[in-house]
N, C-alpha and C. Protein backbone atom coordinates (compact mmCIF):
# COMPACT_ATOMS: atom_id res chain seq x y z
N MET A 1 -17.43 -39.15 23.48
CA MET A 1 -16.54 -38.03 23.75
C MET A 1 -15.47 -37.89 22.66
N LYS A 2 -14.89 -39.04 22.27
CA LYS A 2 -13.87 -39.01 21.22
C LYS A 2 -14.43 -38.49 19.92
N LYS A 3 -15.70 -38.85 19.62
CA LYS A 3 -16.33 -38.38 18.39
C LYS A 3 -16.49 -36.87 18.41
N VAL A 4 -16.86 -36.34 19.58
CA VAL A 4 -17.04 -34.89 19.71
C VAL A 4 -15.72 -34.16 19.49
N ILE A 5 -14.65 -34.70 20.11
CA ILE A 5 -13.32 -34.08 19.95
C ILE A 5 -12.86 -34.13 18.50
N SER A 6 -13.09 -35.27 17.85
CA SER A 6 -12.71 -35.42 16.45
C SER A 6 -13.45 -34.43 15.58
N LEU A 7 -14.74 -34.26 15.87
CA LEU A 7 -15.55 -33.32 15.10
C LEU A 7 -15.04 -31.90 15.28
N LEU A 8 -14.68 -31.54 16.52
CA LEU A 8 -14.16 -30.19 16.78
C LEU A 8 -12.85 -29.96 16.04
N ILE A 9 -11.98 -30.99 16.00
CA ILE A 9 -10.71 -30.87 15.29
C ILE A 9 -10.95 -30.65 13.80
N VAL A 10 -11.87 -31.40 13.22
CA VAL A 10 -12.20 -31.25 11.80
C VAL A 10 -12.73 -29.85 11.52
N MET A 11 -13.60 -29.35 12.42
CA MET A 11 -14.16 -28.00 12.23
C MET A 11 -13.06 -26.94 12.30
N MET A 12 -12.09 -27.14 13.21
CA MET A 12 -10.99 -26.19 13.32
C MET A 12 -10.14 -26.20 12.05
N ILE A 13 -9.87 -27.39 11.53
CA ILE A 13 -9.08 -27.49 10.30
C ILE A 13 -9.78 -26.80 9.14
N ILE A 14 -11.10 -27.02 9.04
CA ILE A 14 -11.87 -26.37 7.97
C ILE A 14 -11.81 -24.86 8.11
N SER A 15 -11.96 -24.38 9.35
CA SER A 15 -11.92 -22.94 9.60
C SER A 15 -10.57 -22.36 9.23
N LEU A 16 -9.49 -23.05 9.63
CA LEU A 16 -8.15 -22.57 9.27
C LEU A 16 -7.95 -22.60 7.76
N GLY A 17 -8.52 -23.57 7.10
CA GLY A 17 -8.40 -23.66 5.65
C GLY A 17 -8.99 -22.47 4.95
N TYR A 18 -10.11 -21.97 5.46
CA TYR A 18 -10.74 -20.81 4.86
C TYR A 18 -9.84 -19.58 4.98
N GLY A 19 -8.99 -19.56 6.02
CA GLY A 19 -8.09 -18.43 6.18
C GLY A 19 -7.08 -18.35 5.05
N GLN A 20 -6.89 -19.42 4.31
CA GLN A 20 -5.95 -19.46 3.20
C GLN A 20 -6.67 -19.47 1.86
N SER A 21 -7.85 -18.88 1.79
CA SER A 21 -8.61 -18.87 0.54
C SER A 21 -7.90 -18.12 -0.56
N VAL A 22 -7.21 -17.03 -0.18
CA VAL A 22 -6.49 -16.23 -1.17
C VAL A 22 -5.11 -15.90 -0.62
N GLU A 23 -4.19 -15.61 -1.54
CA GLU A 23 -2.90 -15.08 -1.15
C GLU A 23 -2.73 -13.71 -1.82
N TYR A 24 -1.98 -12.85 -1.17
CA TYR A 24 -1.76 -11.49 -1.67
C TYR A 24 -0.40 -11.47 -2.36
N THR A 25 -0.40 -11.32 -3.65
CA THR A 25 0.81 -11.53 -4.44
C THR A 25 1.91 -10.53 -4.13
N ASP A 26 1.54 -9.31 -3.73
CA ASP A 26 2.53 -8.29 -3.40
C ASP A 26 2.43 -7.82 -1.95
N GLY A 27 1.56 -8.47 -1.17
CA GLY A 27 1.36 -8.08 0.22
C GLY A 27 0.02 -7.40 0.44
N LYS A 28 -0.36 -7.29 1.71
CA LYS A 28 -1.64 -6.67 2.09
C LYS A 28 -1.50 -5.20 2.46
N VAL A 29 -0.27 -4.76 2.72
CA VAL A 29 -0.03 -3.38 3.12
C VAL A 29 0.97 -2.79 2.14
N LEU A 30 0.50 -1.88 1.27
CA LEU A 30 1.36 -1.35 0.21
C LEU A 30 1.32 0.18 0.18
N SER A 31 2.37 0.77 -0.38
CA SER A 31 2.47 2.22 -0.53
C SER A 31 2.81 2.56 -1.96
N TRP A 32 2.36 3.73 -2.37
CA TRP A 32 2.63 4.21 -3.74
C TRP A 32 3.05 5.67 -3.69
N TYR A 33 3.84 6.05 -4.67
CA TYR A 33 4.23 7.44 -4.88
C TYR A 33 3.56 7.90 -6.17
N ALA A 34 2.59 8.79 -6.06
CA ALA A 34 1.75 9.16 -7.20
C ALA A 34 2.08 10.56 -7.71
N PRO A 35 1.83 10.80 -9.00
CA PRO A 35 2.01 12.15 -9.55
C PRO A 35 0.94 13.09 -9.03
N ASN A 36 1.17 14.40 -9.20
CA ASN A 36 0.21 15.36 -8.64
C ASN A 36 -0.99 15.61 -9.56
N THR A 37 -0.93 15.14 -10.80
CA THR A 37 -2.08 15.29 -11.70
C THR A 37 -2.27 14.02 -12.51
N GLY A 38 -3.49 13.81 -12.97
CA GLY A 38 -3.79 12.64 -13.78
C GLY A 38 -4.15 11.44 -12.92
N ASN A 39 -4.79 10.46 -13.55
CA ASN A 39 -5.20 9.26 -12.83
C ASN A 39 -4.01 8.35 -12.54
N TYR A 40 -3.99 7.79 -11.34
CA TYR A 40 -2.92 6.88 -10.92
C TYR A 40 -3.55 5.69 -10.20
N ASP A 41 -3.24 4.47 -10.67
CA ASP A 41 -3.84 3.25 -10.13
C ASP A 41 -2.98 2.64 -9.03
N CYS A 42 -3.62 2.24 -7.95
CA CYS A 42 -2.96 1.57 -6.83
C CYS A 42 -3.70 0.25 -6.60
N LYS A 43 -3.01 -0.88 -6.86
CA LYS A 43 -3.67 -2.19 -6.86
C LYS A 43 -3.10 -3.11 -5.79
N ILE A 44 -4.01 -3.80 -5.12
CA ILE A 44 -3.64 -4.92 -4.26
C ILE A 44 -4.22 -6.17 -4.89
N LYS A 45 -3.33 -7.11 -5.25
CA LYS A 45 -3.73 -8.27 -6.04
C LYS A 45 -3.88 -9.50 -5.16
N VAL A 46 -4.89 -10.31 -5.50
CA VAL A 46 -5.14 -11.56 -4.77
C VAL A 46 -5.21 -12.72 -5.75
N LYS A 47 -4.87 -13.90 -5.24
CA LYS A 47 -4.96 -15.13 -6.04
C LYS A 47 -5.77 -16.15 -5.25
N ASN A 48 -6.73 -16.79 -5.91
CA ASN A 48 -7.53 -17.83 -5.28
C ASN A 48 -6.70 -19.10 -5.12
N ILE A 49 -6.47 -19.50 -3.87
CA ILE A 49 -5.74 -20.75 -3.61
C ILE A 49 -6.60 -21.71 -2.78
N LYS A 50 -7.91 -21.49 -2.85
CA LYS A 50 -8.83 -22.29 -2.04
C LYS A 50 -8.99 -23.72 -2.56
N GLY A 51 -8.70 -23.90 -3.85
CA GLY A 51 -8.92 -25.21 -4.46
C GLY A 51 -10.29 -25.36 -5.05
N GLN A 52 -11.08 -24.32 -4.99
CA GLN A 52 -12.42 -24.27 -5.57
C GLN A 52 -12.81 -22.81 -5.74
N GLU A 53 -13.96 -22.57 -6.31
CA GLU A 53 -14.40 -21.20 -6.54
C GLU A 53 -14.53 -20.45 -5.22
N VAL A 54 -14.16 -19.18 -5.23
CA VAL A 54 -14.27 -18.36 -4.04
C VAL A 54 -14.93 -17.03 -4.39
N THR A 55 -15.75 -16.53 -3.49
CA THR A 55 -16.35 -15.20 -3.62
C THR A 55 -15.90 -14.36 -2.44
N LEU A 56 -15.29 -13.24 -2.71
CA LEU A 56 -14.81 -12.35 -1.67
C LEU A 56 -15.75 -11.17 -1.48
N LYS A 57 -15.90 -10.77 -0.24
CA LYS A 57 -16.63 -9.55 0.08
C LYS A 57 -15.66 -8.58 0.73
N TYR A 58 -16.04 -7.30 0.72
CA TYR A 58 -15.18 -6.30 1.33
C TYR A 58 -16.00 -5.20 1.97
N ALA A 59 -15.38 -4.53 2.94
CA ALA A 59 -16.03 -3.41 3.63
C ALA A 59 -14.98 -2.37 3.99
N LYS A 60 -15.35 -1.13 3.84
CA LYS A 60 -14.43 -0.03 4.16
C LYS A 60 -14.22 0.05 5.66
N VAL A 61 -12.94 0.10 6.05
CA VAL A 61 -12.59 0.25 7.46
C VAL A 61 -12.34 1.72 7.79
N SER A 62 -11.55 2.37 6.95
CA SER A 62 -11.27 3.80 7.14
C SER A 62 -10.77 4.38 5.84
N ALA A 63 -10.95 5.68 5.68
CA ALA A 63 -10.47 6.38 4.48
C ALA A 63 -10.17 7.82 4.85
N ASP A 64 -8.91 8.20 4.74
CA ASP A 64 -8.46 9.55 5.05
C ASP A 64 -7.69 10.07 3.85
N PHE A 65 -8.30 11.02 3.13
CA PHE A 65 -7.64 11.61 1.97
C PHE A 65 -8.17 13.02 1.76
N PRO A 66 -7.43 13.88 1.05
CA PRO A 66 -7.85 15.26 0.86
C PRO A 66 -9.18 15.35 0.11
N SER A 67 -10.01 16.28 0.51
CA SER A 67 -11.33 16.44 -0.10
C SER A 67 -11.22 16.88 -1.56
N GLY A 68 -10.08 17.47 -1.94
CA GLY A 68 -9.91 17.92 -3.31
C GLY A 68 -9.49 16.84 -4.28
N TRP A 69 -9.14 15.66 -3.79
CA TRP A 69 -8.75 14.55 -4.66
C TRP A 69 -9.97 13.83 -5.20
N ASP A 70 -9.85 13.29 -6.40
CA ASP A 70 -10.82 12.32 -6.92
C ASP A 70 -10.31 10.93 -6.59
N VAL A 71 -11.11 10.14 -5.86
CA VAL A 71 -10.70 8.80 -5.44
C VAL A 71 -11.81 7.81 -5.78
N THR A 72 -11.49 6.80 -6.57
CA THR A 72 -12.48 5.81 -7.00
C THR A 72 -12.00 4.40 -6.67
N LEU A 73 -12.92 3.44 -6.77
CA LEU A 73 -12.61 2.05 -6.41
C LEU A 73 -13.13 1.09 -7.47
N CYS A 74 -12.33 0.08 -7.79
CA CYS A 74 -12.76 -1.02 -8.65
C CYS A 74 -12.41 -2.35 -7.98
N ASP A 75 -13.33 -3.32 -8.06
CA ASP A 75 -12.98 -4.69 -7.69
C ASP A 75 -12.74 -5.46 -8.99
N ASN A 76 -12.90 -6.79 -8.99
CA ASN A 76 -12.61 -7.55 -10.20
C ASN A 76 -13.78 -7.57 -11.19
N PHE A 77 -14.83 -6.81 -10.89
CA PHE A 77 -16.00 -6.80 -11.79
C PHE A 77 -16.62 -5.41 -11.91
N ASN A 78 -16.73 -4.69 -10.79
CA ASN A 78 -17.40 -3.40 -10.77
C ASN A 78 -16.43 -2.26 -10.49
N CYS A 79 -16.76 -1.09 -11.05
CA CYS A 79 -16.04 0.14 -10.72
C CYS A 79 -17.03 1.17 -10.17
N PHE A 80 -16.57 1.92 -9.18
CA PHE A 80 -17.43 2.89 -8.51
C PHE A 80 -16.77 4.27 -8.55
N LEU A 81 -17.58 5.31 -8.51
CA LEU A 81 -17.09 6.67 -8.57
C LEU A 81 -16.69 7.20 -7.21
N GLU A 82 -16.72 6.33 -6.20
CA GLU A 82 -16.33 6.71 -4.85
C GLU A 82 -15.83 5.47 -4.12
N LEU A 83 -15.36 5.66 -2.90
CA LEU A 83 -14.96 4.52 -2.08
C LEU A 83 -16.21 3.97 -1.38
N VAL A 84 -16.80 2.95 -1.95
CA VAL A 84 -18.05 2.42 -1.42
C VAL A 84 -17.80 1.75 -0.07
N ASP A 85 -18.86 1.67 0.73
CA ASP A 85 -18.74 1.08 2.06
C ASP A 85 -18.59 -0.43 2.01
N THR A 86 -19.32 -1.08 1.12
CA THR A 86 -19.27 -2.54 1.01
C THR A 86 -19.41 -2.95 -0.45
N GLY A 87 -18.98 -4.19 -0.74
CA GLY A 87 -19.12 -4.72 -2.09
C GLY A 87 -18.69 -6.17 -2.15
N SER A 88 -18.79 -6.77 -3.34
CA SER A 88 -18.43 -8.18 -3.53
C SER A 88 -17.66 -8.35 -4.83
N PHE A 89 -16.70 -9.24 -4.81
CA PHE A 89 -16.00 -9.65 -6.02
C PHE A 89 -16.93 -10.55 -6.85
N TYR A 90 -16.66 -10.61 -8.13
CA TYR A 90 -17.27 -11.64 -8.96
C TYR A 90 -16.57 -12.96 -8.60
N PRO A 91 -17.32 -14.08 -8.51
CA PRO A 91 -16.69 -15.35 -8.11
C PRO A 91 -15.42 -15.66 -8.91
N MET A 92 -14.37 -16.03 -8.19
CA MET A 92 -13.07 -16.32 -8.78
C MET A 92 -12.84 -17.83 -8.82
N LYS A 93 -12.46 -18.34 -9.97
CA LYS A 93 -12.15 -19.76 -10.11
C LYS A 93 -10.82 -20.07 -9.41
N ASP A 94 -10.57 -21.34 -9.16
CA ASP A 94 -9.32 -21.75 -8.53
C ASP A 94 -8.12 -21.27 -9.34
N LYS A 95 -7.14 -20.68 -8.66
CA LYS A 95 -5.90 -20.14 -9.24
C LYS A 95 -6.13 -18.84 -10.02
N GLU A 96 -7.33 -18.32 -10.02
CA GLU A 96 -7.61 -17.06 -10.73
C GLU A 96 -7.16 -15.87 -9.90
N TYR A 97 -6.74 -14.81 -10.60
CA TYR A 97 -6.30 -13.59 -9.93
C TYR A 97 -7.41 -12.54 -9.95
N GLY A 98 -7.40 -11.70 -8.95
CA GLY A 98 -8.30 -10.56 -8.88
C GLY A 98 -7.57 -9.40 -8.23
N GLU A 99 -8.22 -8.25 -8.13
CA GLU A 99 -7.56 -7.10 -7.53
C GLU A 99 -8.58 -6.11 -6.98
N MET A 100 -8.13 -5.37 -5.97
CA MET A 100 -8.84 -4.19 -5.48
C MET A 100 -8.02 -2.99 -5.92
N LYS A 101 -8.59 -2.16 -6.76
CA LYS A 101 -7.84 -1.03 -7.34
C LYS A 101 -8.45 0.29 -6.88
N ILE A 102 -7.60 1.11 -6.31
CA ILE A 102 -7.99 2.48 -5.97
C ILE A 102 -7.27 3.41 -6.93
N THR A 103 -8.03 4.29 -7.56
CA THR A 103 -7.47 5.24 -8.52
C THR A 103 -7.64 6.65 -7.96
N ILE A 104 -6.55 7.42 -7.99
CA ILE A 104 -6.63 8.80 -7.51
C ILE A 104 -6.25 9.77 -8.61
N ASP A 105 -6.80 10.97 -8.51
CA ASP A 105 -6.32 12.13 -9.25
C ASP A 105 -6.18 13.23 -8.21
N ALA A 106 -4.94 13.59 -7.88
CA ALA A 106 -4.69 14.52 -6.79
C ALA A 106 -5.04 15.97 -7.12
N LYS A 107 -5.32 16.25 -8.39
CA LYS A 107 -5.72 17.60 -8.81
C LYS A 107 -4.70 18.67 -8.41
N GLY A 108 -3.41 18.28 -8.39
CA GLY A 108 -2.37 19.26 -8.06
C GLY A 108 -2.19 19.50 -6.59
N LEU A 109 -2.81 18.70 -5.71
CA LEU A 109 -2.74 18.92 -4.27
C LEU A 109 -1.78 17.93 -3.62
N ALA A 110 -0.79 18.44 -2.90
CA ALA A 110 0.16 17.57 -2.21
C ALA A 110 -0.42 17.11 -0.89
N ASP A 111 -0.39 15.80 -0.65
CA ASP A 111 -0.90 15.26 0.60
C ASP A 111 -0.70 13.75 0.58
N THR A 112 -1.29 13.07 1.55
CA THR A 112 -1.17 11.62 1.67
C THR A 112 -2.54 11.02 1.95
N ALA A 113 -2.83 9.88 1.33
CA ALA A 113 -4.07 9.16 1.57
C ALA A 113 -3.78 7.86 2.32
N TYR A 114 -4.64 7.57 3.31
CA TYR A 114 -4.55 6.32 4.07
C TYR A 114 -5.92 5.64 3.99
N ILE A 115 -5.96 4.49 3.34
CA ILE A 115 -7.23 3.82 3.09
C ILE A 115 -7.11 2.35 3.50
N LYS A 116 -8.12 1.86 4.22
CA LYS A 116 -8.14 0.46 4.66
C LYS A 116 -9.47 -0.19 4.31
N TYR A 117 -9.39 -1.44 3.85
CA TYR A 117 -10.59 -2.25 3.60
C TYR A 117 -10.41 -3.61 4.25
N ALA A 118 -11.51 -4.16 4.74
CA ALA A 118 -11.54 -5.56 5.20
C ALA A 118 -11.97 -6.43 4.03
N LEU A 119 -11.36 -7.60 3.92
CA LEU A 119 -11.62 -8.52 2.80
C LEU A 119 -11.77 -9.92 3.38
N TRP A 120 -12.82 -10.65 2.92
CA TRP A 120 -13.04 -11.99 3.47
C TRP A 120 -13.77 -12.89 2.49
N ASP A 121 -13.62 -14.19 2.73
CA ASP A 121 -14.31 -15.24 1.99
C ASP A 121 -15.74 -15.33 2.55
N ILE A 122 -16.75 -15.31 1.67
CA ILE A 122 -18.12 -15.34 2.16
C ILE A 122 -18.43 -16.63 2.92
N ASP A 123 -17.63 -17.68 2.71
CA ASP A 123 -17.84 -18.92 3.45
C ASP A 123 -17.35 -18.83 4.89
N ASN A 124 -16.56 -17.82 5.19
CA ASN A 124 -16.03 -17.66 6.54
C ASN A 124 -15.93 -16.17 6.89
N PRO A 125 -17.07 -15.51 7.10
CA PRO A 125 -17.08 -14.05 7.31
C PRO A 125 -16.41 -13.59 8.59
N SER A 126 -16.18 -14.50 9.54
CA SER A 126 -15.57 -14.10 10.80
C SER A 126 -14.06 -13.93 10.69
N LEU A 127 -13.46 -14.45 9.62
CA LEU A 127 -12.02 -14.37 9.42
C LEU A 127 -11.73 -13.36 8.31
N ARG A 128 -11.26 -12.18 8.70
CA ARG A 128 -11.09 -11.08 7.75
C ARG A 128 -9.65 -10.60 7.70
N ASP A 129 -9.22 -10.26 6.50
CA ASP A 129 -7.93 -9.60 6.32
C ASP A 129 -8.17 -8.10 6.18
N THR A 130 -7.19 -7.32 6.60
CA THR A 130 -7.24 -5.88 6.38
C THR A 130 -6.17 -5.50 5.38
N ILE A 131 -6.59 -4.91 4.27
CA ILE A 131 -5.64 -4.44 3.27
C ILE A 131 -5.52 -2.92 3.39
N GLU A 132 -4.29 -2.43 3.20
CA GLU A 132 -4.02 -1.02 3.46
C GLU A 132 -3.31 -0.36 2.27
N TYR A 133 -3.80 0.82 1.92
CA TYR A 133 -3.23 1.63 0.86
C TYR A 133 -2.70 2.94 1.47
N THR A 134 -1.42 3.24 1.21
CA THR A 134 -0.87 4.55 1.55
C THR A 134 -0.37 5.18 0.26
N ILE A 135 -0.90 6.35 -0.06
CA ILE A 135 -0.61 6.98 -1.35
C ILE A 135 -0.06 8.37 -1.11
N TYR A 136 1.19 8.59 -1.54
CA TYR A 136 1.86 9.87 -1.35
C TYR A 136 1.84 10.68 -2.65
N VAL A 137 1.58 11.97 -2.52
CA VAL A 137 1.74 12.91 -3.63
C VAL A 137 2.69 13.99 -3.15
N ASN A 138 3.79 14.21 -3.87
CA ASN A 138 4.89 14.99 -3.32
C ASN A 138 4.89 16.47 -3.63
N PHE A 139 4.06 16.94 -4.57
CA PHE A 139 4.03 18.38 -4.77
C PHE A 139 2.68 18.77 -5.35
N GLY A 140 2.32 20.04 -5.15
CA GLY A 140 0.99 20.47 -5.54
C GLY A 140 0.99 21.75 -6.33
N ALA A 141 -0.19 22.35 -6.44
CA ALA A 141 -0.36 23.54 -7.26
C ALA A 141 0.19 24.78 -6.58
N SER A 142 0.25 24.75 -5.23
CA SER A 142 0.69 25.92 -4.49
C SER A 142 2.16 25.82 -4.12
N ALA A 143 2.88 26.94 -4.23
CA ALA A 143 4.29 26.94 -3.84
C ALA A 143 4.45 26.77 -2.34
N ASN A 144 3.39 27.03 -1.56
CA ASN A 144 3.45 26.91 -0.12
C ASN A 144 3.26 25.47 0.35
N THR A 145 2.94 24.60 -0.57
CA THR A 145 2.67 23.22 -0.19
C THR A 145 3.93 22.54 0.36
N LEU A 146 5.07 22.85 -0.22
CA LEU A 146 6.33 22.24 0.20
C LEU A 146 7.21 23.24 0.93
N ALA A 147 7.94 22.71 1.91
CA ALA A 147 8.94 23.54 2.55
C ALA A 147 10.14 23.70 1.64
N ASN A 148 10.97 24.70 1.93
CA ASN A 148 12.23 24.81 1.21
C ASN A 148 13.08 23.58 1.52
N SER A 149 13.97 23.26 0.61
CA SER A 149 14.75 22.04 0.76
C SER A 149 15.55 22.04 2.05
N GLU A 150 15.28 21.06 2.93
CA GLU A 150 16.00 20.91 4.18
C GLU A 150 16.59 19.50 4.27
N VAL A 151 16.67 18.83 3.15
CA VAL A 151 17.09 17.43 3.12
C VAL A 151 18.37 17.29 2.32
N SER A 152 19.27 16.49 2.84
CA SER A 152 20.51 16.20 2.13
C SER A 152 20.76 14.70 2.22
N LEU A 153 21.15 14.09 1.10
CA LEU A 153 21.52 12.67 1.11
C LEU A 153 22.80 12.47 0.32
N TYR A 154 23.63 11.59 0.80
CA TYR A 154 24.92 11.32 0.16
C TYR A 154 25.42 9.96 0.62
N PRO A 155 26.26 9.29 -0.16
CA PRO A 155 26.61 9.63 -1.56
C PRO A 155 25.45 9.32 -2.50
N ASN A 156 25.48 9.93 -3.63
CA ASN A 156 24.47 9.68 -4.67
C ASN A 156 25.14 9.87 -6.02
N PRO A 157 25.45 8.80 -6.72
CA PRO A 157 25.06 7.40 -6.57
C PRO A 157 25.65 6.75 -5.30
N ALA A 158 24.94 5.69 -4.85
CA ALA A 158 25.35 4.97 -3.65
C ALA A 158 25.50 3.49 -3.96
N LYS A 159 26.22 2.79 -3.09
CA LYS A 159 26.40 1.35 -3.26
C LYS A 159 25.87 0.57 -2.07
N ASP A 160 26.29 0.93 -0.87
CA ASP A 160 25.93 0.16 0.31
C ASP A 160 25.06 0.93 1.30
N VAL A 161 25.43 2.19 1.55
CA VAL A 161 24.76 2.99 2.58
C VAL A 161 24.47 4.39 2.05
N VAL A 162 23.31 4.93 2.40
CA VAL A 162 22.96 6.31 2.08
C VAL A 162 22.82 7.07 3.39
N ASN A 163 23.50 8.20 3.51
CA ASN A 163 23.40 9.06 4.67
C ASN A 163 22.33 10.12 4.42
N ILE A 164 21.45 10.31 5.38
CA ILE A 164 20.35 11.27 5.23
C ILE A 164 20.44 12.31 6.35
N LEU A 165 20.42 13.57 5.96
CA LEU A 165 20.35 14.68 6.91
C LEU A 165 19.00 15.36 6.72
N ALA A 166 18.22 15.41 7.79
CA ALA A 166 16.88 16.00 7.69
C ALA A 166 16.42 16.39 9.09
N SER A 167 15.32 17.10 9.17
CA SER A 167 14.80 17.53 10.46
C SER A 167 14.35 16.33 11.28
N LYS A 168 14.55 16.41 12.57
CA LYS A 168 14.20 15.33 13.49
C LYS A 168 12.71 15.01 13.39
N GLY A 169 12.40 13.72 13.31
CA GLY A 169 11.01 13.29 13.22
C GLY A 169 10.52 13.08 11.80
N SER A 170 11.34 13.47 10.82
CA SER A 170 10.96 13.25 9.42
C SER A 170 10.94 11.75 9.13
N LYS A 171 10.08 11.36 8.20
CA LYS A 171 10.01 9.94 7.80
C LYS A 171 10.58 9.78 6.41
N ALA A 172 11.63 8.98 6.30
CA ALA A 172 12.25 8.71 5.02
C ALA A 172 11.69 7.42 4.44
N SER A 173 11.30 7.45 3.18
CA SER A 173 10.75 6.27 2.50
C SER A 173 11.42 6.12 1.15
N LEU A 174 11.87 4.91 0.84
CA LEU A 174 12.54 4.64 -0.42
C LEU A 174 11.65 3.76 -1.28
N TYR A 175 11.41 4.19 -2.52
CA TYR A 175 10.51 3.50 -3.44
C TYR A 175 11.26 3.03 -4.68
N SER A 176 10.78 1.94 -5.23
CA SER A 176 11.28 1.47 -6.51
C SER A 176 10.70 2.33 -7.62
N SER A 177 11.16 2.12 -8.85
CA SER A 177 10.68 2.91 -9.99
C SER A 177 9.21 2.68 -10.29
N ASN A 178 8.63 1.56 -9.82
CA ASN A 178 7.21 1.30 -10.05
C ASN A 178 6.35 1.65 -8.85
N GLY A 179 6.94 2.35 -7.86
CA GLY A 179 6.16 2.86 -6.74
C GLY A 179 6.06 1.95 -5.54
N GLN A 180 6.79 0.84 -5.51
CA GLN A 180 6.72 -0.08 -4.38
C GLN A 180 7.62 0.41 -3.24
N LEU A 181 7.06 0.46 -2.02
CA LEU A 181 7.84 0.87 -0.86
C LEU A 181 8.84 -0.22 -0.50
N LEU A 182 10.12 0.16 -0.42
CA LEU A 182 11.19 -0.81 -0.14
C LEU A 182 11.76 -0.65 1.27
N LEU A 183 11.99 0.60 1.69
CA LEU A 183 12.58 0.88 2.99
C LEU A 183 11.89 2.10 3.60
N SER A 184 11.82 2.12 4.93
CA SER A 184 11.23 3.26 5.62
C SER A 184 11.93 3.45 6.96
N LYS A 185 12.17 4.72 7.32
CA LYS A 185 12.88 4.99 8.57
C LYS A 185 12.55 6.39 9.07
N THR A 186 12.38 6.53 10.36
CA THR A 186 12.14 7.84 10.97
C THR A 186 13.47 8.44 11.40
N ILE A 187 13.67 9.71 11.08
CA ILE A 187 14.90 10.40 11.41
C ILE A 187 14.85 10.80 12.90
N ALA A 188 15.71 10.18 13.68
CA ALA A 188 15.67 10.40 15.13
C ALA A 188 16.62 11.50 15.58
N ASN A 189 17.77 11.63 14.92
CA ASN A 189 18.79 12.58 15.39
C ASN A 189 19.33 13.48 14.28
N LYS A 190 18.47 13.81 13.34
CA LYS A 190 18.83 14.66 12.20
C LYS A 190 19.75 13.98 11.19
N ALA A 191 20.32 12.85 11.55
CA ALA A 191 21.19 12.12 10.63
C ALA A 191 20.95 10.63 10.81
N GLU A 192 20.65 9.95 9.72
CA GLU A 192 20.40 8.52 9.76
C GLU A 192 21.02 7.88 8.52
N GLN A 193 21.14 6.56 8.56
CA GLN A 193 21.67 5.82 7.42
C GLN A 193 20.65 4.80 6.95
N LEU A 194 20.57 4.64 5.63
CA LEU A 194 19.76 3.59 5.03
C LEU A 194 20.69 2.55 4.41
N ASP A 195 20.48 1.30 4.75
CA ASP A 195 21.26 0.22 4.16
C ASP A 195 20.63 -0.17 2.83
N VAL A 196 21.31 0.11 1.74
CA VAL A 196 20.79 -0.18 0.41
C VAL A 196 21.61 -1.28 -0.28
N SER A 197 22.41 -1.99 0.50
CA SER A 197 23.30 -2.99 -0.08
C SER A 197 22.54 -4.14 -0.74
N GLY A 198 21.31 -4.36 -0.32
CA GLY A 198 20.53 -5.47 -0.88
C GLY A 198 19.70 -5.09 -2.09
N LEU A 199 19.79 -3.84 -2.54
CA LEU A 199 18.98 -3.38 -3.67
C LEU A 199 19.74 -3.52 -4.99
N LYS A 200 18.97 -3.73 -6.04
CA LYS A 200 19.56 -3.86 -7.37
C LYS A 200 19.98 -2.50 -7.92
N THR A 201 20.90 -2.53 -8.86
CA THR A 201 21.32 -1.31 -9.54
C THR A 201 20.13 -0.67 -10.26
N GLY A 202 19.99 0.65 -10.11
CA GLY A 202 18.88 1.32 -10.78
C GLY A 202 18.54 2.65 -10.15
N LEU A 203 17.42 3.22 -10.59
CA LEU A 203 16.95 4.52 -10.13
C LEU A 203 15.83 4.33 -9.12
N TYR A 204 15.93 5.03 -7.99
CA TYR A 204 14.96 4.93 -6.92
C TYR A 204 14.48 6.33 -6.52
N LEU A 205 13.41 6.36 -5.74
CA LEU A 205 12.87 7.64 -5.28
C LEU A 205 12.84 7.65 -3.76
N LEU A 206 13.46 8.67 -3.18
CA LEU A 206 13.46 8.85 -1.73
C LEU A 206 12.56 10.01 -1.37
N THR A 207 11.57 9.78 -0.52
CA THR A 207 10.68 10.86 -0.07
C THR A 207 10.91 11.12 1.41
N MET A 208 10.74 12.39 1.78
CA MET A 208 10.85 12.79 3.18
C MET A 208 9.54 13.46 3.56
N LEU A 209 8.88 12.90 4.56
CA LEU A 209 7.58 13.41 5.01
C LEU A 209 7.75 14.02 6.39
N ASN A 210 7.36 15.30 6.52
CA ASN A 210 7.36 15.94 7.83
C ASN A 210 6.18 16.91 7.92
N SER A 211 6.14 17.71 8.96
CA SER A 211 5.00 18.60 9.19
C SER A 211 4.88 19.68 8.14
N LYS A 212 5.92 19.91 7.37
CA LYS A 212 5.91 20.95 6.35
C LYS A 212 5.51 20.44 4.97
N GLY A 213 5.41 19.13 4.81
CA GLY A 213 5.04 18.58 3.51
C GLY A 213 5.90 17.39 3.13
N ILE A 214 5.95 17.10 1.85
CA ILE A 214 6.71 15.97 1.34
C ILE A 214 7.74 16.46 0.33
N GLN A 215 8.96 16.02 0.49
CA GLN A 215 10.01 16.33 -0.48
C GLN A 215 10.50 15.03 -1.08
N SER A 216 11.04 15.10 -2.28
CA SER A 216 11.51 13.88 -2.93
C SER A 216 12.83 14.13 -3.62
N SER A 217 13.63 13.08 -3.70
CA SER A 217 14.91 13.12 -4.40
C SER A 217 15.13 11.80 -5.13
N GLN A 218 15.73 11.86 -6.29
CA GLN A 218 16.08 10.64 -6.99
C GLN A 218 17.39 10.08 -6.42
N LEU A 219 17.44 8.79 -6.26
CA LEU A 219 18.62 8.13 -5.74
C LEU A 219 19.06 7.04 -6.71
N ILE A 220 20.33 7.04 -7.06
CA ILE A 220 20.87 6.03 -7.97
C ILE A 220 21.67 5.02 -7.16
N ILE A 221 21.34 3.73 -7.36
CA ILE A 221 22.08 2.64 -6.73
C ILE A 221 22.97 2.01 -7.79
N GLU A 222 24.25 1.94 -7.48
CA GLU A 222 25.21 1.34 -8.43
C GLU A 222 25.53 -0.10 -8.06
């Protein structure tokens, strides 16, 4: 009986170990603010921490994006002209980095893409991570794509707090200059505050998403 219990414990440890085959250097759920024309890369990076070679497989969970956009996928070896349903990484050596890259060209169309993939170690296919891409494009070819400006933020430049006035239910998102999502908040009462006291001095991008489209404003943190 003791031998059986010991064996089960060893198997559990091995299984848990496979769950740590890779680490996500910037996280598994990321957002980007993309231009309305030209190719724009959105990458989720992984590092092999298994202690030996690892091969990752992936499968599409969901993909919601405008039909007018060009959307392609690359892993650490292959590139595809579409979001393929399944694929495999080239084997990664210990401590080696790899990435899942989605590239979009919005073709002048304002909208948002939501894309999810499952990613797993082939040695343990039952334990899967879900990586998520949210890609915002703030203006398009048509003047009707965006509502007239209904957003106000102050002070700008700001130091500790930014006050936002916008329509109820709007989603405010603050991005760094390289497109990383830093803060997000839903406007509940037409006026909300964002605490920016922990951010470094520099230029940031604030987007407001509502039923009428996406608006953006530059925000300076002093």
